[in-house]
Protein backbone atom coordinates (compact mmCIF):
# COMPACT_ATOMS: atom_id res chain seq x y z
CA MET A 1 107.11 97.32 141.22
CA SER A 2 108.29 97.02 137.76
CA VAL A 3 107.11 98.36 134.62
CA LEU A 4 106.23 96.10 131.89
CA ILE A 5 104.78 96.57 128.10
CA VAL A 6 103.51 93.63 126.09
CA GLY A 7 102.27 94.89 122.55
CA LEU A 8 101.97 94.68 119.07
CA SER A 9 102.42 97.32 116.20
CA HIS A 10 102.97 97.88 112.60
CA LYS A 11 106.78 96.87 112.94
CA SER A 12 105.83 93.44 114.14
CA ALA A 13 102.31 92.55 112.83
CA PRO A 14 100.82 92.47 109.79
CA VAL A 15 97.51 95.12 109.56
CA ALA A 16 94.89 92.25 109.73
CA MET A 17 96.40 91.02 112.98
CA LEU A 18 96.08 94.56 114.43
CA GLU A 19 92.73 94.78 112.98
CA ARG A 20 91.90 91.72 115.12
CA ALA A 21 93.51 92.77 118.25
CA ALA A 22 92.71 96.50 118.38
CA VAL A 23 90.15 97.31 121.08
CA SER A 24 88.09 100.39 121.87
CA GLY A 25 84.85 101.26 123.69
CA ASP A 26 83.28 99.11 126.03
CA PRO A 27 85.56 96.10 125.31
CA LEU A 28 88.66 98.48 125.94
CA SER A 29 87.25 99.14 129.18
CA LYS A 30 86.74 95.46 130.22
CA LEU A 31 90.17 94.59 128.91
CA LEU A 32 91.56 97.41 131.17
CA ARG A 33 89.70 95.74 133.97
CA ASP A 34 90.56 92.31 133.54
CA ILE A 35 94.36 93.26 133.27
CA PHE A 36 94.07 95.28 136.53
CA GLU A 37 92.31 92.52 138.16
CA ALA A 38 95.32 89.77 137.18
CA GLU A 39 97.13 88.91 140.78
CA PRO A 40 100.71 90.21 139.73
CA VAL A 41 99.10 93.69 137.95
CA THR A 42 98.89 96.75 140.54
CA GLY A 43 98.34 99.47 137.45
CA THR A 44 97.76 99.45 133.94
CA PHE A 45 96.87 101.59 130.76
CA VAL A 46 96.09 100.37 126.99
CA VAL A 47 97.08 102.08 123.97
CA SER A 48 95.14 101.01 121.06
CA THR A 49 95.26 102.64 117.94
CA CYS A 50 95.26 101.85 114.06
CA ASN A 51 98.96 101.15 114.50
CA ARG A 52 99.82 99.25 117.78
CA VAL A 53 97.75 97.83 120.64
CA GLU A 54 100.25 98.01 123.88
CA VAL A 55 99.39 97.05 127.36
CA TYR A 56 101.58 99.02 129.91
CA ALA A 57 101.40 97.46 133.43
CA GLU A 58 102.77 97.77 136.72
CA VAL A 59 103.70 94.11 138.02
CA ASN A 60 105.38 92.57 140.97
CA LYS A 61 106.45 89.38 139.05
CA PHE A 62 107.56 89.52 135.48
CA HIS A 63 106.93 86.02 133.94
CA ALA A 64 103.42 86.01 135.80
CA GLY A 65 102.65 89.61 134.66
CA LEU A 66 103.88 88.68 130.81
CA SER A 67 101.69 85.39 130.95
CA ALA A 68 98.46 87.07 132.51
CA ILE A 69 98.80 89.95 129.84
CA SER A 70 99.58 87.59 127.20
CA ASP A 71 96.42 85.34 127.81
CA LEU A 72 94.20 88.42 128.41
CA LEU A 73 95.18 89.74 125.17
CA ALA A 74 94.55 86.47 123.37
CA ARG A 75 91.14 86.06 125.25
CA HIS A 76 89.91 89.59 124.37
CA SER A 77 91.03 89.36 120.85
CA GLY A 78 89.95 85.97 119.91
CA ILE A 79 93.62 85.38 118.75
CA PRO A 80 94.92 81.93 119.36
CA LEU A 81 97.76 82.48 122.12
CA PRO A 82 100.37 80.71 119.85
CA GLU A 83 99.57 82.78 116.87
CA LEU A 84 99.34 86.28 118.82
CA THR A 85 102.66 85.24 120.55
CA GLN A 86 104.57 85.39 117.33
CA HIS A 87 103.78 89.02 117.10
CA LEU A 88 103.87 90.42 120.40
CA TYR A 89 107.18 91.97 121.57
CA VAL A 90 107.87 92.68 125.70
CA ARG A 91 109.69 95.64 126.94
CA TYR A 92 110.57 95.68 130.87
CA GLU A 93 111.70 98.21 133.53
CA ASP A 94 114.35 100.90 131.83
CA ARG A 95 113.38 99.75 128.40
CA ALA A 96 110.01 99.73 128.89
CA VAL A 97 109.97 103.63 130.12
CA GLN A 98 112.43 104.24 126.81
CA HIS A 99 109.61 102.71 124.59
CA LEU A 100 107.04 104.77 125.99
CA LEU A 101 108.96 107.85 125.83
CA THR A 102 109.93 106.99 121.96
CA VAL A 103 106.31 105.93 121.14
CA ALA A 104 104.80 109.34 122.58
CA ALA A 105 107.54 111.25 120.87
CA GLY A 106 105.96 109.91 117.34
CA LEU A 107 109.56 107.99 116.55
CA ASP A 108 107.94 104.54 116.64
CA SER A 109 104.86 105.44 114.45
CA MET A 110 104.04 104.05 110.87
CA VAL A 111 104.88 108.06 109.73
CA VAL A 112 107.51 108.95 111.77
CA GLY A 113 107.19 112.10 114.20
CA GLU A 114 103.08 112.62 113.60
CA SER A 115 101.70 113.78 116.55
CA GLN A 116 98.29 112.22 116.79
CA ILE A 117 99.92 109.47 118.93
CA LEU A 118 100.50 112.24 121.53
CA GLY A 119 96.98 112.50 122.15
CA GLN A 120 96.17 108.70 121.95
CA VAL A 121 98.44 108.33 124.60
CA ARG A 122 97.09 111.11 126.63
CA GLN A 123 93.49 109.96 126.30
CA ALA A 124 94.72 106.07 126.92
CA ILE A 125 96.30 107.71 130.27
CA ALA A 126 93.33 109.63 131.13
CA GLN A 127 90.83 106.46 130.71
CA ALA A 128 92.76 104.61 133.02
CA ARG A 129 93.08 107.27 135.46
CA GLU A 130 89.15 107.53 135.38
CA GLN A 131 88.65 104.01 135.41
CA GLY A 132 91.22 103.36 138.74
CA THR A 133 93.62 101.17 136.95
CA LEU A 134 96.29 103.53 136.45
CA GLY A 135 98.64 103.58 139.37
CA ARG A 136 101.20 105.73 140.93
CA ALA A 137 104.30 104.46 139.05
CA LEU A 138 102.50 104.72 135.54
CA ASP A 139 100.77 108.12 136.46
CA GLY A 140 104.29 109.29 136.72
CA LEU A 141 105.45 107.75 133.77
CA GLY A 142 102.71 108.94 131.84
CA THR A 143 103.31 112.49 132.66
CA LEU A 144 106.90 112.08 131.91
CA ALA A 145 106.04 110.79 128.29
CA LEU A 146 103.79 113.58 127.66
CA HIS A 147 106.61 115.91 128.85
CA THR A 148 108.82 114.38 126.81
CA ALA A 149 106.97 114.54 123.72
CA LYS A 150 105.70 118.01 124.12
CA ARG A 151 109.85 118.94 124.13
CA ALA A 152 110.33 116.90 121.22
CA HIS A 153 107.70 118.78 118.96
CA ALA A 154 108.51 122.52 120.54
CA GLU A 155 112.49 122.11 120.38
CA THR A 156 112.85 120.30 117.28
CA GLY A 157 111.60 120.28 113.65
CA ILE A 158 110.12 116.64 113.95
CA ASP A 159 106.84 118.22 112.83
CA ARG A 160 108.25 118.90 109.36
CA ALA A 161 108.83 115.28 109.25
CA GLY A 162 105.97 114.19 111.00
CA ALA A 163 103.12 114.40 108.61
CA ASN A 164 100.37 112.43 110.20
CA LEU A 165 98.80 109.49 108.92
CA VAL A 166 95.92 111.30 107.53
CA SER A 167 97.94 113.56 105.52
CA VAL A 168 99.89 110.78 103.94
CA GLY A 169 96.70 108.88 103.14
CA VAL A 170 94.99 112.17 101.51
CA GLY A 171 98.40 112.89 99.77
CA LEU A 172 98.44 109.36 98.12
CA ALA A 173 94.60 109.61 97.33
CA ALA A 174 95.34 112.73 95.55
CA VAL A 175 97.91 111.10 93.53
CA ARG A 176 95.59 108.14 92.48
CA LEU A 177 92.74 110.36 91.73
CA LYS A 178 94.75 112.80 89.41
CA SER A 179 96.54 109.85 87.57
CA GLY A 180 93.19 108.15 87.13
CA SER A 181 91.75 111.17 85.48
CA GLY A 182 94.93 111.62 83.60
CA ALA A 183 95.69 114.90 84.62
CA ASP A 184 99.17 115.99 86.02
CA ALA A 185 100.29 115.49 89.40
CA PRO A 186 98.61 117.06 92.20
CA ASP A 187 99.20 120.72 93.37
CA PRO A 188 101.75 119.82 96.04
CA VAL A 189 99.99 122.85 98.52
CA ARG A 190 96.35 122.13 97.39
CA PRO A 191 96.39 118.84 96.19
CA LEU A 192 92.73 118.14 96.27
CA ALA A 193 91.74 121.25 94.64
CA GLY A 194 88.50 120.66 92.51
CA LEU A 195 87.98 117.35 94.34
CA ASN A 196 84.66 116.49 96.46
CA VAL A 197 85.71 114.80 99.80
CA LEU A 198 83.50 112.64 101.76
CA VAL A 199 84.19 112.10 105.64
CA VAL A 200 82.50 109.07 107.34
CA GLY A 201 82.73 109.56 111.08
CA ALA A 202 82.76 112.03 113.14
CA GLY A 203 85.63 111.16 116.13
CA SER A 204 89.04 112.68 116.64
CA MET A 205 90.10 110.91 113.26
CA SER A 206 87.71 112.01 111.27
CA ALA A 207 87.90 115.77 112.77
CA LEU A 208 91.31 115.45 111.77
CA ALA A 209 90.57 114.34 108.23
CA VAL A 210 87.94 117.23 107.59
CA ALA A 211 90.72 119.49 108.57
CA THR A 212 93.25 118.05 106.21
CA ALA A 213 90.85 118.01 103.42
CA ASP A 214 89.80 121.48 104.07
CA ARG A 215 93.71 122.80 104.14
CA PHE A 216 94.62 120.70 100.92
CA GLY A 217 91.99 122.61 98.98
CA ALA A 218 89.03 120.31 98.66
CA ALA A 219 86.22 121.82 96.44
CA ARG A 220 83.60 120.59 98.87
CA ILE A 221 83.65 118.46 102.10
CA ALA A 222 80.60 116.46 103.33
CA VAL A 223 80.54 114.42 106.75
CA THR A 224 78.12 111.58 107.41
CA ASN A 225 77.95 109.85 111.09
CA ARG A 226 75.40 107.52 112.69
CA THR A 227 74.56 110.62 114.73
CA ALA A 228 73.94 113.68 113.16
CA GLU A 229 74.66 116.07 115.60
CA PRO A 230 78.59 115.48 115.86
CA ALA A 231 78.79 115.40 112.14
CA GLY A 232 77.00 118.73 111.71
CA ARG A 233 79.71 120.47 113.74
CA LEU A 234 82.32 118.84 112.30
CA ALA A 235 81.19 120.15 108.96
CA ALA A 236 80.33 123.37 110.30
CA SER A 237 83.89 123.77 111.32
CA VAL A 238 84.74 124.10 107.48
CA SER A 239 81.86 125.32 106.16
CA GLY A 240 80.88 122.05 104.89
CA SER A 241 77.91 120.04 104.41
CA THR A 242 76.32 116.81 106.22
CA ALA A 243 75.00 113.80 104.25
CA GLY A 244 72.51 111.17 105.29
CA PHE A 245 73.77 108.13 106.72
CA GLY A 246 71.08 106.07 106.00
CA ASP A 247 71.88 106.71 102.36
CA LEU A 248 75.55 106.17 101.99
CA PRO A 249 75.50 105.04 98.29
CA ALA A 250 74.13 108.74 97.49
CA ALA A 251 76.70 110.13 99.49
CA LEU A 252 79.44 108.10 97.94
CA ALA A 253 78.05 108.87 94.32
CA ASP A 254 78.71 112.57 95.04
CA ALA A 255 82.25 112.24 95.81
CA ASP A 256 85.82 111.81 94.67
CA LEU A 257 87.35 110.85 97.84
CA VAL A 258 85.65 109.17 100.65
CA ILE A 259 87.67 108.72 104.13
CA SER A 260 86.29 106.53 106.41
CA CYS A 261 87.58 106.47 110.09
CA THR A 262 84.84 105.18 112.07
CA GLY A 263 85.04 103.18 115.40
CA ALA A 264 82.64 100.33 113.79
CA ALA A 265 82.89 96.85 114.66
CA GLY A 266 82.02 95.84 111.22
CA LEU A 267 81.84 96.79 107.52
CA VAL A 268 80.93 100.54 107.00
CA ILE A 269 81.14 100.75 103.18
CA THR A 270 80.11 97.45 101.48
CA ALA A 271 81.12 96.29 97.98
CA GLU A 272 77.29 96.47 97.21
CA MET A 273 77.16 99.94 98.52
CA THR A 274 79.92 101.12 96.14
CA ALA A 275 78.55 99.37 93.36
CA GLN A 276 75.04 101.46 93.91
CA ALA A 277 76.96 104.65 94.37
CA LEU A 278 78.68 103.58 90.50
CA ARG A 279 75.06 103.09 89.45
CA LEU A 280 73.79 106.21 90.80
CA ARG A 281 76.73 108.15 89.07
CA ALA A 282 75.85 106.32 85.87
CA ASP A 283 72.53 107.20 86.02
CA GLY A 284 73.53 111.17 86.63
CA ALA A 285 75.57 111.14 83.54
CA GLY A 286 72.88 110.11 81.37
CA GLY A 287 73.84 106.26 81.56
CA GLN A 288 77.65 106.94 80.84
CA ALA A 289 79.57 105.79 83.77
CA GLY A 290 82.62 107.33 82.49
CA THR A 291 86.16 107.05 84.02
CA ARG A 292 85.84 109.39 87.22
CA LEU A 293 87.63 107.61 89.78
CA LEU A 294 86.28 106.96 93.19
CA VAL A 295 88.86 106.64 96.17
CA LEU A 296 88.26 104.99 99.25
CA LEU A 297 90.46 105.86 102.07
CA ASP A 298 90.15 103.50 104.94
CA LEU A 299 92.02 104.69 108.10
CA ALA A 300 89.49 102.75 110.55
CA LEU A 301 90.85 99.67 112.31
CA PRO A 302 89.04 97.36 112.27
CA HIS A 303 88.52 98.33 108.66
CA ASP A 304 85.64 100.08 107.39
CA VAL A 305 85.69 99.65 103.74
CA ASP A 306 84.86 96.13 102.10
CA ARG A 307 88.20 95.24 100.14
CA ALA A 308 86.01 93.90 97.45
CA ALA A 309 84.80 97.28 96.51
CA GLY A 310 88.57 97.64 95.30
CA GLU A 311 87.51 95.08 92.47
CA LEU A 312 84.89 97.35 91.18
CA PRO A 313 85.76 99.50 88.02
CA ALA A 314 86.87 103.20 88.73
CA VAL A 315 87.16 102.39 92.44
CA SER A 316 90.57 102.06 94.19
CA VAL A 317 90.56 101.43 97.78
CA LEU A 318 93.57 102.45 100.01
CA GLY A 319 93.91 100.84 103.33
CA LEU A 320 96.68 101.28 105.96
CA ASP A 321 98.67 98.69 104.64
CA SER A 322 98.81 100.92 101.46
CA LEU A 323 100.40 103.33 103.67
CA GLU A 324 103.11 102.02 105.02
CA GLU A 325 105.53 102.37 101.87
CA ALA A 326 104.54 106.27 101.87
CA GLY A 327 105.18 106.81 105.44
CA THR A 328 108.40 105.04 105.02
CA ALA A 329 108.99 107.76 102.44
CA VAL A 330 107.95 110.67 104.69
CA ALA A 331 109.83 109.30 107.61
CA ALA A 332 113.04 109.37 105.89
CA VAL A 333 113.24 113.12 105.21
CA ARG A 334 114.67 115.12 108.08
CA ALA A 335 116.90 112.58 109.73
CA GLU A 336 118.70 115.40 112.03
CA ASP A 337 115.06 116.22 113.52
CA VAL A 338 114.59 112.45 114.34
CA ALA A 339 118.38 112.30 115.74
CA ALA A 340 117.23 115.07 117.71
CA VAL A 341 114.47 113.87 119.20
CA ARG A 342 116.43 110.72 120.02
CA ALA A 343 118.52 112.98 122.05
CA ILE A 344 115.82 114.36 123.99
CA VAL A 345 114.25 111.05 124.88
CA ALA A 346 117.71 109.73 125.90
CA GLU A 347 118.13 112.84 127.95
CA GLU A 348 114.79 112.38 130.02
CA LEU A 349 115.31 108.66 130.20
CA ALA A 350 118.91 109.23 131.93
CA ALA A 351 117.26 112.17 134.12
CA ARG A 352 114.79 109.53 135.37
CA VAL A 353 117.41 106.59 135.83
CA SER A 354 119.38 109.26 137.90
CA ALA A 355 116.61 110.28 140.17
CA ARG A 356 115.57 106.58 140.82
CA HIS A 357 119.18 105.48 141.89
CA ALA A 358 119.47 108.80 143.86
CA ALA A 359 115.98 107.92 145.76
CA ARG A 360 117.55 104.49 146.25
CA VAL A 361 119.99 105.96 148.51
CA SER A 362 118.30 108.50 149.96
CA PRO A 363 117.42 106.40 152.98
CA THR A 364 121.21 106.13 153.95
CA VAL A 365 121.81 109.99 153.22
CA ILE A 366 118.76 110.96 155.75
CA ALA A 367 119.76 108.38 158.30
CA LEU A 368 123.72 110.17 158.10
CA ARG A 369 122.16 113.73 158.52
CA ALA A 370 119.93 112.69 161.36
CA LYS A 371 123.02 111.04 162.81
CA ALA A 372 124.67 114.28 162.14
CA ALA A 373 121.94 116.35 163.90
CA GLU A 374 121.96 114.16 166.74
CA VAL A 375 126.05 114.78 167.33
CA VAL A 376 125.51 118.57 166.92
CA GLU A 377 122.33 118.38 169.49
CA ALA A 378 124.79 116.38 171.92
CA GLU A 379 127.71 118.66 171.44
CA LEU A 380 125.23 121.68 172.04
CA ASP A 381 124.11 120.35 175.25
CA ARG A 382 127.58 119.28 176.65
CA LEU A 383 128.83 122.67 175.92
CA ALA A 384 126.24 124.35 177.70
CA GLY A 385 126.74 121.89 180.89
CA LYS A 386 130.42 123.28 180.74
CA LEU A 387 130.06 127.07 179.88
CA GLY A 388 126.87 127.43 181.96
CA PRO A 389 124.20 129.44 180.98
CA LEU A 390 124.52 131.92 177.62
CA ASP A 391 122.79 134.70 176.53
CA GLU A 392 120.05 133.93 173.69
CA ARG A 393 121.95 135.13 171.08
CA ALA A 394 125.35 133.40 171.59
CA GLU A 395 123.52 130.26 172.13
CA ALA A 396 121.76 130.67 168.38
CA GLU A 397 124.97 131.83 167.00
CA ILE A 398 126.95 129.10 168.15
CA SER A 399 124.06 126.43 167.16
CA VAL A 400 123.81 127.79 163.77
CA ALA A 401 127.64 127.90 163.06
CA MET A 402 127.87 124.00 164.53
CA GLN A 403 124.96 122.92 161.97
CA ARG A 404 126.71 124.83 159.09
CA VAL A 405 130.11 122.85 159.79
CA ALA A 406 128.05 119.66 159.89
CA HIS A 407 126.51 120.45 156.62
CA LYS A 408 129.48 121.78 154.76
CA LEU A 409 131.39 118.32 156.01
CA LEU A 410 128.36 115.82 154.94
CA HIS A 411 127.19 118.13 151.47
CA ALA A 412 130.06 116.25 149.27
CA PRO A 413 129.97 112.82 150.23
CA THR A 414 126.15 112.95 150.35
CA VAL A 415 125.92 114.61 146.94
CA ARG A 416 128.40 112.08 145.44
CA VAL A 417 127.01 109.11 146.80
CA LYS A 418 123.73 110.24 144.99
CA GLU A 419 125.73 110.44 141.51
CA LEU A 420 127.30 107.66 142.06
CA ALA A 421 124.52 105.43 143.00
CA GLY A 422 123.64 104.67 139.01
CA SER A 423 127.43 103.25 138.45
CA PRO A 424 128.25 99.67 137.98
CA SER A 425 129.27 99.72 141.66
CA GLY A 426 126.68 101.90 143.05
CA ASP A 427 125.95 99.82 145.94
CA SER A 428 129.37 99.69 147.15
CA TYR A 429 129.75 103.56 147.81
CA GLU A 430 126.47 103.32 149.95
CA ALA A 431 127.89 100.47 151.70
CA ALA A 432 131.18 102.49 152.06
CA LEU A 433 129.15 105.43 153.70
CA ARG A 434 127.07 103.18 156.18
CA VAL A 435 130.66 101.74 157.44
CA LEU A 436 132.78 105.17 157.56
CA PHE A 437 129.70 106.85 159.60
CA ASP A 438 129.02 103.71 161.56
CA LEU A 439 125.25 104.39 160.72
CA ASP A 440 122.49 101.99 162.33
CA GLN A 441 120.95 100.03 159.71
CA ASP A 442 117.69 99.82 161.74
CA ALA A 443 117.51 103.82 161.39
CA ILE A 444 118.07 103.39 157.62
CA ASP A 445 115.10 100.62 157.56
CA PHE A 446 113.08 102.83 159.31
CA VAL A 447 113.44 105.88 156.78
CA THR A 448 112.63 103.35 154.04
CA THR A 449 109.63 102.05 155.55
CA ALA A 450 108.31 105.66 156.39
CA ASP A 451 108.64 106.71 152.96
CA ALA A 452 106.80 103.48 151.62
CA ASP A 453 104.13 103.89 153.84
CA LEU A 454 103.63 107.52 152.50
CA THR A 455 103.52 106.76 149.40
CA PRO A 456 100.59 104.77 148.29
CA GLY A 457 101.62 102.02 145.71
CA GLY A 458 105.11 101.62 146.53
CA SER A 459 108.21 102.78 144.48
CA ALA A 460 108.46 102.33 140.48
């Protein structure tokens, strides 16, 4: 089986295209099942975030797998295949593995080094495992990707460069709010000091938004959600309050910054709602609308906030497309940390490639050691027949000595052939081993078949 990635990200497609392609909830489960049931596919998981939609698959045929996955992405997103294809990228075999490790480590994110993608990859793998679509090879690769990402965050300073998307968005909103009020630049430590924040939604992104707003010194934090209970738990985590989801205009009117990150399929904050919030503000100010700015930070995909709201007076809408330039600026710092993470990715990839090549020649090595064991056994039988019965201790010492000689003679060539298996002429070294030791090809094939039978799903 081979690993294939078909996807699109903020690097290959505009936000509007990503918005149309993004899947979550039941649609994501349906996409997983449909891909898994495609004839060339034996395993799959899907990473769908605000920055990317990527299908990871084990396939037995490259072209058939690529065609099936592309067709299904087009069908589920409603994007015509010719239009979608312009923005798709494809990774195969070792390049696919390298891409997964790079993504999990945060090097391919809009904000390089952000750590949220690690949890998103973990969640994607867990969902596929739960639905029975993962496959053995992808399960192993997922484990490798998570291990690599953890190393990256533990062994380098990538977190210093990796301000997450929420932090970048909130920081940009703080600048917008301060400039809108004519004040100086925001405090770099507490940029939301004196400001009221409303978080719409109660999922993992909302939890990150609440924590970020609290860390950035917001004066008040309120949370609203269609289901009140998770909103209450999230608000309580920062001693905040809840707001009624059924009366969003009133909640908007009380806020300086609104961070919306729900999984809703349609708009959550409309232009009319925002206009109503502005009227409520004016009523509260004795009919004077004033110049108090309202910033709507939309981190959802598909987007939560009606872009027309940004055309209203004293309203600014920041979406994912607004964050790309800011994210690039953040990523530009700490180049040495990025280089260190790339080195870790390269190291983990090289180790995997080496292990895979070593596994390929293992049947030949096993057959060689089996033949050596047969020769030792035959010589022990011949010696016993020639010398007659030996006492138990002498027989054991002779047996151990002969086995040690055989092991020492075979150690160097077997270790070396595994090391050379990944070289350009690796196959020739394995062939030389077979010829030099006159190994039975049937015995090698038997070992290979037995290994495949004992390992469900075959080899990656």
